[in-house]
Amino acid sequence: AEMKFNKSVTSSKRKNRQRYFNAPSHIRRKLMSAPLSKELRTKYNVRSMPIRKDDEVQLVRGHHKGTQTGKVVAVYRSKYVIHVERIQREKANGATVYVNLHPSKVVITKLKLDRDRRGLLDRKAAGRARGAEKGKYSEADANAMEA
């Protein structure tokens, strides 16, 4: 199996499942993240974001996957599902209901941006930029080492 890096983090399947199903809302938000589309990824230098209402998404897995995009109508943290406009089905009694989708099966094509969300994008991008610089030596560093 994998080597453990952190003693205080468990890799027990039982405990991880328990924490997933009993997670509070603020942690579920993070668990309900969706990847960004290729265009958004290059634009913001961020891979994924917690999903929210009014984001535009495209389905990439399952029965309803296709090219058309739809707006997120609801995010049900209690059920770990989202509802997307136009992705509905008819029940036996004729009522139409939204199909429950997991955020990992969609790609965000358009973000609903506000101040907080823009700040989150900036923070994530800054972290990624710092990660890219890590381990690289500048000429000044190289000269200092030689001296």
N, C-alpha and C. Protein backbone atom coordinates (compact mmCIF):
# COMPACT_ATOMS: atom_id res chain seq x y z
N ALA A 1 0.84 -1.21 0.00
CA ALA A 1 0.00 0.00 0.00
C ALA A 1 0.87 1.25 0.00
N GLU A 2 0.19 2.41 -0.06
CA GLU A 2 0.90 3.69 -0.06
C GLU A 2 1.59 3.92 1.29
N MET A 3 2.66 4.68 1.25
CA MET A 3 3.32 5.04 2.48
C MET A 3 2.61 6.23 3.10
N LYS A 4 2.46 6.20 4.41
CA LYS A 4 1.78 7.32 5.07
C LYS A 4 2.76 8.46 5.29
N PHE A 5 2.30 9.67 5.05
CA PHE A 5 3.13 10.84 5.28
C PHE A 5 2.76 11.52 6.58
N ASN A 6 1.48 11.48 6.93
CA ASN A 6 1.02 12.21 8.11
C ASN A 6 0.38 11.23 9.08
N LYS A 7 0.95 11.15 10.28
CA LYS A 7 0.47 10.20 11.27
C LYS A 7 -0.97 10.47 11.69
N SER A 8 -1.39 11.75 11.66
CA SER A 8 -2.71 12.09 12.19
C SER A 8 -3.82 11.99 11.15
N VAL A 9 -3.49 11.57 9.92
CA VAL A 9 -4.52 11.40 8.89
C VAL A 9 -4.70 9.91 8.65
N THR A 10 -5.94 9.45 8.75
CA THR A 10 -6.21 8.03 8.61
C THR A 10 -6.39 7.65 7.14
N SER A 11 -6.03 6.40 6.82
CA SER A 11 -6.32 5.91 5.48
C SER A 11 -7.29 4.73 5.56
N SER A 12 -7.95 4.61 6.71
CA SER A 12 -8.93 3.54 6.90
C SER A 12 -10.18 3.81 6.08
N LYS A 13 -10.60 2.82 5.28
CA LYS A 13 -11.79 2.99 4.44
C LYS A 13 -13.01 3.27 5.30
N ARG A 14 -13.14 2.53 6.39
CA ARG A 14 -14.29 2.69 7.27
C ARG A 14 -14.39 4.12 7.81
N LYS A 15 -13.27 4.64 8.30
CA LYS A 15 -13.29 5.98 8.89
C LYS A 15 -13.51 7.06 7.83
N ASN A 16 -12.91 6.86 6.65
CA ASN A 16 -13.10 7.85 5.58
C ASN A 16 -14.54 7.89 5.12
N ARG A 17 -15.18 6.72 5.02
CA ARG A 17 -16.60 6.68 4.65
C ARG A 17 -17.44 7.34 5.73
N GLN A 18 -17.12 7.04 6.98
CA GLN A 18 -17.88 7.64 8.08
C GLN A 18 -17.78 9.17 8.03
N ARG A 19 -16.59 9.67 7.78
CA ARG A 19 -16.41 11.13 7.74
C ARG A 19 -17.09 11.75 6.53
N TYR A 20 -17.11 11.02 5.44
CA TYR A 20 -17.79 11.52 4.24
C TYR A 20 -19.29 11.65 4.49
N PHE A 21 -19.90 10.61 5.06
CA PHE A 21 -21.36 10.62 5.21
C PHE A 21 -21.82 11.47 6.39
N ASN A 22 -20.93 11.75 7.34
CA ASN A 22 -21.32 12.59 8.48
C ASN A 22 -20.71 13.99 8.41
N ALA A 23 -20.19 14.35 7.24
CA ALA A 23 -19.50 15.64 7.11
C ALA A 23 -20.47 16.80 7.29
N PRO A 24 -20.05 17.87 8.00
CA PRO A 24 -20.89 19.06 8.11
C PRO A 24 -20.89 19.86 6.81
N SER A 25 -21.81 20.79 6.72
CA SER A 25 -22.06 21.52 5.47
C SER A 25 -20.82 22.24 4.93
N HIS A 26 -20.04 22.87 5.81
CA HIS A 26 -18.90 23.66 5.32
C HIS A 26 -17.81 22.76 4.75
N ILE A 27 -17.76 21.51 5.19
CA ILE A 27 -16.79 20.57 4.61
C ILE A 27 -17.36 19.96 3.34
N ARG A 28 -18.69 19.74 3.31
CA ARG A 28 -19.33 19.22 2.10
C ARG A 28 -19.13 20.17 0.94
N ARG A 29 -19.10 21.47 1.21
CA ARG A 29 -18.89 22.45 0.14
C ARG A 29 -17.60 22.12 -0.60
N LYS A 30 -16.55 21.86 0.16
CA LYS A 30 -15.25 21.55 -0.42
C LYS A 30 -15.29 20.21 -1.16
N LEU A 31 -15.99 19.24 -0.56
CA LEU A 31 -16.08 17.91 -1.17
C LEU A 31 -16.86 17.98 -2.48
N MET A 32 -17.75 18.98 -2.60
CA MET A 32 -18.57 19.11 -3.81
C MET A 32 -17.91 20.07 -4.79
N SER A 33 -16.65 19.83 -5.07
CA SER A 33 -15.93 20.65 -6.04
C SER A 33 -16.05 20.03 -7.42
N ALA A 34 -15.97 20.89 -8.43
CA ALA A 34 -16.03 20.41 -9.81
C ALA A 34 -14.83 20.98 -10.56
N PRO A 35 -14.29 20.22 -11.51
CA PRO A 35 -13.17 20.72 -12.30
C PRO A 35 -13.60 21.86 -13.22
N LEU A 36 -12.67 22.73 -13.54
CA LEU A 36 -12.94 23.82 -14.49
C LEU A 36 -12.64 23.33 -15.91
N SER A 37 -13.29 23.96 -16.88
CA SER A 37 -13.04 23.61 -18.28
C SER A 37 -11.61 24.01 -18.65
N LYS A 38 -11.14 23.49 -19.77
CA LYS A 38 -9.76 23.77 -20.18
C LYS A 38 -9.51 25.27 -20.35
N GLU A 39 -10.51 25.97 -20.92
CA GLU A 39 -10.34 27.41 -21.15
C GLU A 39 -10.20 28.14 -19.81
N LEU A 40 -11.11 27.83 -18.86
CA LEU A 40 -11.05 28.49 -17.56
C LEU A 40 -9.77 28.12 -16.82
N ARG A 41 -9.33 26.88 -17.01
CA ARG A 41 -8.13 26.43 -16.31
C ARG A 41 -6.92 27.23 -16.76
N THR A 42 -6.82 27.47 -18.07
CA THR A 42 -5.68 28.25 -18.56
C THR A 42 -5.84 29.72 -18.17
N LYS A 43 -7.08 30.20 -18.15
CA LYS A 43 -7.32 31.60 -17.82
C LYS A 43 -6.97 31.92 -16.37
N TYR A 44 -7.41 31.06 -15.44
CA TYR A 44 -7.23 31.35 -14.02
C TYR A 44 -6.09 30.58 -13.37
N ASN A 45 -5.52 29.61 -14.09
CA ASN A 45 -4.46 28.76 -13.53
C ASN A 45 -4.95 28.03 -12.27
N VAL A 46 -6.20 27.59 -12.31
CA VAL A 46 -6.82 26.87 -11.19
C VAL A 46 -7.51 25.65 -11.77
N ARG A 47 -7.41 24.51 -11.07
CA ARG A 47 -7.94 23.27 -11.62
C ARG A 47 -9.40 23.02 -11.29
N SER A 48 -9.80 23.28 -10.02
CA SER A 48 -11.18 22.99 -9.64
C SER A 48 -11.67 24.02 -8.62
N MET A 49 -12.99 24.08 -8.49
CA MET A 49 -13.62 25.03 -7.57
C MET A 49 -14.84 24.37 -6.93
N PRO A 50 -15.14 24.74 -5.68
CA PRO A 50 -16.41 24.30 -5.11
C PRO A 50 -17.55 24.86 -5.96
N ILE A 51 -18.52 24.02 -6.27
CA ILE A 51 -19.59 24.43 -7.18
C ILE A 51 -20.59 25.29 -6.44
N ARG A 52 -21.26 26.19 -7.15
CA ARG A 52 -22.32 26.98 -6.53
C ARG A 52 -23.44 27.23 -7.53
N LYS A 53 -24.57 27.67 -6.98
CA LYS A 53 -25.72 27.97 -7.82
C LYS A 53 -25.32 29.05 -8.82
N ASP A 54 -25.89 28.98 -10.02
CA ASP A 54 -25.65 29.95 -11.11
C ASP A 54 -24.33 29.74 -11.87
N ASP A 55 -23.53 28.77 -11.49
CA ASP A 55 -22.41 28.38 -12.35
C ASP A 55 -22.99 27.71 -13.59
N GLU A 56 -22.29 27.81 -14.71
CA GLU A 56 -22.73 27.05 -15.89
C GLU A 56 -21.85 25.83 -16.03
N VAL A 57 -22.49 24.67 -16.20
CA VAL A 57 -21.74 23.42 -16.24
C VAL A 57 -22.10 22.61 -17.47
N GLN A 58 -21.21 21.68 -17.79
CA GLN A 58 -21.43 20.74 -18.88
C GLN A 58 -21.22 19.35 -18.32
N LEU A 59 -22.13 18.44 -18.64
CA LEU A 59 -22.03 17.07 -18.14
C LEU A 59 -21.01 16.29 -18.95
N VAL A 60 -20.14 15.55 -18.26
CA VAL A 60 -19.12 14.78 -18.96
C VAL A 60 -19.23 13.28 -18.71
N ARG A 61 -20.13 12.87 -17.82
CA ARG A 61 -20.31 11.45 -17.53
C ARG A 61 -21.79 11.13 -17.43
N GLY A 62 -22.12 9.87 -17.66
CA GLY A 62 -23.48 9.41 -17.41
C GLY A 62 -24.39 9.54 -18.61
N HIS A 63 -25.66 9.23 -18.36
CA HIS A 63 -26.67 9.14 -19.40
C HIS A 63 -26.90 10.47 -20.12
N HIS A 64 -26.80 11.58 -19.39
CA HIS A 64 -27.16 12.89 -19.95
C HIS A 64 -25.96 13.66 -20.48
N LYS A 65 -24.78 13.02 -20.58
CA LYS A 65 -23.60 13.79 -20.98
C LYS A 65 -23.76 14.29 -22.41
N GLY A 66 -23.21 15.46 -22.66
CA GLY A 66 -23.35 16.03 -24.00
C GLY A 66 -22.65 17.36 -24.09
N THR A 67 -22.88 18.04 -25.20
CA THR A 67 -22.15 19.28 -25.44
C THR A 67 -22.86 20.49 -24.84
N GLN A 68 -24.19 20.40 -24.63
CA GLN A 68 -24.89 21.60 -24.18
C GLN A 68 -24.58 21.89 -22.71
N THR A 69 -24.55 23.17 -22.38
CA THR A 69 -24.28 23.57 -21.00
C THR A 69 -25.58 24.02 -20.35
N GLY A 70 -25.62 23.94 -19.05
CA GLY A 70 -26.80 24.38 -18.31
C GLY A 70 -26.38 25.03 -17.01
N LYS A 71 -27.29 25.87 -16.48
CA LYS A 71 -27.02 26.55 -15.23
C LYS A 71 -27.32 25.63 -14.06
N VAL A 72 -26.53 25.75 -12.99
CA VAL A 72 -26.81 25.00 -11.77
C VAL A 72 -27.99 25.66 -11.08
N VAL A 73 -29.08 24.90 -10.88
CA VAL A 73 -30.29 25.45 -10.29
C VAL A 73 -30.25 25.30 -8.77
N ALA A 74 -29.67 24.19 -8.28
CA ALA A 74 -29.64 23.95 -6.85
C ALA A 74 -28.43 23.11 -6.49
N VAL A 75 -27.89 23.36 -5.29
CA VAL A 75 -26.81 22.55 -4.75
C VAL A 75 -27.31 21.97 -3.44
N TYR A 76 -27.55 20.65 -3.44
CA TYR A 76 -28.04 19.97 -2.24
C TYR A 76 -26.87 19.34 -1.52
N ARG A 77 -26.36 20.06 -0.51
CA ARG A 77 -25.21 19.51 0.20
C ARG A 77 -25.61 18.27 0.99
N SER A 78 -26.86 18.24 1.48
CA SER A 78 -27.27 17.09 2.30
C SER A 78 -27.25 15.80 1.52
N LYS A 79 -27.48 15.89 0.19
CA LYS A 79 -27.51 14.68 -0.64
C LYS A 79 -26.27 14.56 -1.53
N TYR A 80 -25.35 15.51 -1.43
CA TYR A 80 -24.17 15.55 -2.29
C TYR A 80 -24.56 15.60 -3.76
N VAL A 81 -25.62 16.32 -4.12
CA VAL A 81 -26.03 16.38 -5.52
C VAL A 81 -26.27 17.83 -5.95
N ILE A 82 -26.25 18.03 -7.27
CA ILE A 82 -26.64 19.31 -7.84
C ILE A 82 -27.74 19.06 -8.86
N HIS A 83 -28.52 20.10 -9.12
CA HIS A 83 -29.54 20.06 -10.17
C HIS A 83 -29.15 21.05 -11.24
N VAL A 84 -29.26 20.63 -12.49
CA VAL A 84 -28.89 21.49 -13.62
C VAL A 84 -30.12 21.72 -14.48
N GLU A 85 -30.30 22.97 -14.93
CA GLU A 85 -31.49 23.29 -15.72
C GLU A 85 -31.54 22.42 -16.97
N ARG A 86 -32.74 22.06 -17.40
CA ARG A 86 -33.00 21.24 -18.59
C ARG A 86 -32.61 19.77 -18.43
N ILE A 87 -31.95 19.40 -17.34
CA ILE A 87 -31.65 17.98 -17.16
C ILE A 87 -32.67 17.43 -16.17
N GLN A 88 -33.79 16.98 -16.76
CA GLN A 88 -34.93 16.53 -15.97
C GLN A 88 -35.41 15.20 -16.50
N ARG A 89 -36.26 14.53 -15.72
CA ARG A 89 -36.91 13.32 -16.21
C ARG A 89 -38.35 13.31 -15.74
N GLU A 90 -39.15 12.51 -16.40
CA GLU A 90 -40.57 12.46 -16.06
C GLU A 90 -40.82 11.26 -15.16
N LYS A 91 -41.54 11.50 -14.08
CA LYS A 91 -41.89 10.40 -13.19
C LYS A 91 -43.10 9.66 -13.76
N ALA A 92 -43.41 8.53 -13.16
CA ALA A 92 -44.53 7.71 -13.63
C ALA A 92 -45.84 8.48 -13.59
N ASN A 93 -45.97 9.39 -12.62
CA ASN A 93 -47.22 10.15 -12.51
C ASN A 93 -47.23 11.40 -13.39
N GLY A 94 -46.19 11.57 -14.22
CA GLY A 94 -46.18 12.69 -15.16
C GLY A 94 -45.44 13.93 -14.66
N ALA A 95 -45.07 13.94 -13.38
CA ALA A 95 -44.35 15.10 -12.85
C ALA A 95 -42.91 15.08 -13.35
N THR A 96 -42.37 16.27 -13.65
CA THR A 96 -40.96 16.33 -14.05
C THR A 96 -40.11 16.67 -12.83
N VAL A 97 -39.00 15.98 -12.69
CA VAL A 97 -38.08 16.24 -11.58
C VAL A 97 -36.67 16.38 -12.14
N TYR A 98 -35.85 17.13 -11.43
CA TYR A 98 -34.44 17.26 -11.82
C TYR A 98 -33.72 15.95 -11.54
N VAL A 99 -32.75 15.65 -12.39
CA VAL A 99 -31.92 14.47 -12.17
C VAL A 99 -30.80 14.86 -11.20
N ASN A 100 -30.58 14.02 -10.19
CA ASN A 100 -29.51 14.27 -9.23
C ASN A 100 -28.15 13.97 -9.87
N LEU A 101 -27.25 14.94 -9.84
CA LEU A 101 -25.93 14.76 -10.44
C LEU A 101 -24.86 15.05 -9.39
N HIS A 102 -23.77 14.30 -9.46
CA HIS A 102 -22.66 14.59 -8.56
C HIS A 102 -21.74 15.61 -9.24
N PRO A 103 -21.25 16.62 -8.48
CA PRO A 103 -20.43 17.67 -9.08
C PRO A 103 -19.18 17.17 -9.80
N SER A 104 -18.65 16.01 -9.40
CA SER A 104 -17.43 15.53 -10.05
C SER A 104 -17.70 15.07 -11.47
N LYS A 105 -18.98 14.89 -11.84
CA LYS A 105 -19.34 14.41 -13.17
C LYS A 105 -19.66 15.55 -14.13
N VAL A 106 -19.41 16.79 -13.68
CA VAL A 106 -19.63 17.93 -14.56
C VAL A 106 -18.33 18.74 -14.66
N VAL A 107 -18.29 19.62 -15.64
CA VAL A 107 -17.17 20.55 -15.81
C VAL A 107 -17.75 21.95 -15.79
N ILE A 108 -17.15 22.83 -15.00
CA ILE A 108 -17.64 24.21 -14.94
C ILE A 108 -17.15 24.96 -16.18
N THR A 109 -18.11 25.52 -16.95
CA THR A 109 -17.73 26.25 -18.16
C THR A 109 -17.80 27.76 -17.96
N LYS A 110 -18.56 28.20 -16.95
CA LYS A 110 -18.67 29.63 -16.68
C LYS A 110 -18.90 29.81 -15.19
N LEU A 111 -18.08 30.64 -14.55
CA LEU A 111 -18.18 30.84 -13.11
C LEU A 111 -19.04 32.05 -12.80
N LYS A 112 -19.83 31.95 -11.74
CA LYS A 112 -20.51 33.14 -11.22
C LYS A 112 -19.53 33.78 -10.25
N LEU A 113 -18.99 34.91 -10.64
CA LEU A 113 -17.93 35.53 -9.85
C LEU A 113 -18.47 36.63 -8.96
N ASP A 114 -18.06 36.60 -7.69
CA ASP A 114 -18.27 37.75 -6.82
C ASP A 114 -16.92 38.02 -6.15
N ARG A 115 -16.90 38.94 -5.19
CA ARG A 115 -15.62 39.33 -4.61
C ARG A 115 -14.91 38.16 -3.94
N ASP A 116 -15.68 37.40 -3.13
CA ASP A 116 -15.08 36.29 -2.39
C ASP A 116 -14.52 35.23 -3.33
N ARG A 117 -15.28 34.95 -4.37
CA ARG A 117 -14.88 33.88 -5.28
C ARG A 117 -13.65 34.30 -6.09
N ARG A 118 -13.61 35.58 -6.45
CA ARG A 118 -12.43 36.07 -7.18
C ARG A 118 -11.19 35.98 -6.28
N GLY A 119 -11.39 36.31 -5.00
CA GLY A 119 -10.29 36.21 -4.04
C GLY A 119 -9.78 34.79 -3.92
N LEU A 120 -10.72 33.83 -3.90
CA LEU A 120 -10.35 32.41 -3.82
C LEU A 120 -9.53 32.00 -5.05
N LEU A 121 -9.98 32.46 -6.24
CA LEU A 121 -9.25 32.15 -7.47
C LEU A 121 -7.83 32.72 -7.41
N ASP A 122 -7.72 33.96 -6.93
CA ASP A 122 -6.40 34.60 -6.85
C ASP A 122 -5.48 33.84 -5.90
N ARG A 123 -6.04 33.44 -4.73
CA ARG A 123 -5.24 32.71 -3.75
C ARG A 123 -4.75 31.38 -4.31
N LYS A 124 -5.69 30.66 -4.98
CA LYS A 124 -5.31 29.35 -5.53
C LYS A 124 -4.24 29.53 -6.62
N ALA A 125 -4.42 30.53 -7.48
CA ALA A 125 -3.47 30.76 -8.56
C ALA A 125 -2.10 31.13 -8.00
N ALA A 126 -2.10 31.95 -6.94
CA ALA A 126 -0.83 32.36 -6.33
C ALA A 126 -0.10 31.15 -5.77
N GLY A 127 -0.85 30.25 -5.15
CA GLY A 127 -0.25 29.03 -4.60
C GLY A 127 0.35 28.17 -5.69
N ARG A 128 -0.36 28.08 -6.81
CA ARG A 128 0.15 27.27 -7.93
C ARG A 128 1.40 27.90 -8.52
N ALA A 129 1.42 29.24 -8.61
CA ALA A 129 2.58 29.93 -9.16
C ALA A 129 3.79 29.69 -8.25
N ARG A 130 3.55 29.75 -6.93
CA ARG A 130 4.62 29.51 -5.98
C ARG A 130 5.15 28.09 -6.12
N GLY A 131 4.23 27.14 -6.34
CA GLY A 131 4.62 25.74 -6.52
C GLY A 131 5.47 25.56 -7.76
N ALA A 132 5.17 26.33 -8.82
CA ALA A 132 5.93 26.23 -10.06
C ALA A 132 7.36 26.75 -9.87
N GLU A 133 7.49 27.79 -9.03
CA GLU A 133 8.81 28.38 -8.79
C GLU A 133 9.66 27.49 -7.89
N LYS A 134 9.00 26.66 -7.09
CA LYS A 134 9.69 25.85 -6.07
C LYS A 134 10.73 24.93 -6.72
N GLY A 135 11.90 24.87 -6.09
CA GLY A 135 12.91 23.94 -6.58
C GLY A 135 13.74 24.48 -7.72
N LYS A 136 13.41 25.68 -8.20
CA LYS A 136 14.18 26.27 -9.30
C LYS A 136 15.14 27.29 -8.70
N TYR A 137 16.34 27.31 -9.23
CA TYR A 137 17.32 28.27 -8.76
C TYR A 137 17.45 29.41 -9.75
N SER A 138 17.51 30.63 -9.23
CA SER A 138 17.75 31.77 -10.11
C SER A 138 19.26 31.92 -10.30
N GLU A 139 19.66 32.78 -11.21
CA GLU A 139 21.09 32.98 -11.46
C GLU A 139 21.79 33.51 -10.22
N ALA A 140 21.10 34.39 -9.49
CA ALA A 140 21.68 34.96 -8.27
C ALA A 140 21.99 33.86 -7.26
N ASP A 141 21.06 32.92 -7.11
CA ASP A 141 21.27 31.80 -6.19
C ASP A 141 22.49 30.98 -6.62
N ALA A 142 22.58 30.72 -7.92
CA ALA A 142 23.67 29.91 -8.45
C ALA A 142 25.02 30.59 -8.19
N ASN A 143 25.06 31.90 -8.43
CA ASN A 143 26.30 32.65 -8.20
C ASN A 143 26.67 32.64 -6.72
N ALA A 144 25.67 32.76 -5.87
CA ALA A 144 25.92 32.77 -4.42
C ALA A 144 26.48 31.43 -3.97
N MET A 145 26.01 30.35 -4.58
CA MET A 145 26.49 29.02 -4.21
C MET A 145 27.95 28.82 -4.61
N GLU A 146 28.30 29.35 -5.79
CA GLU A 146 29.67 29.19 -6.27
C GLU A 146 30.65 29.96 -5.41
N ALA A 147 30.23 31.12 -4.93
CA ALA A 147 31.12 31.98 -4.15
C ALA A 147 31.47 31.37 -2.80
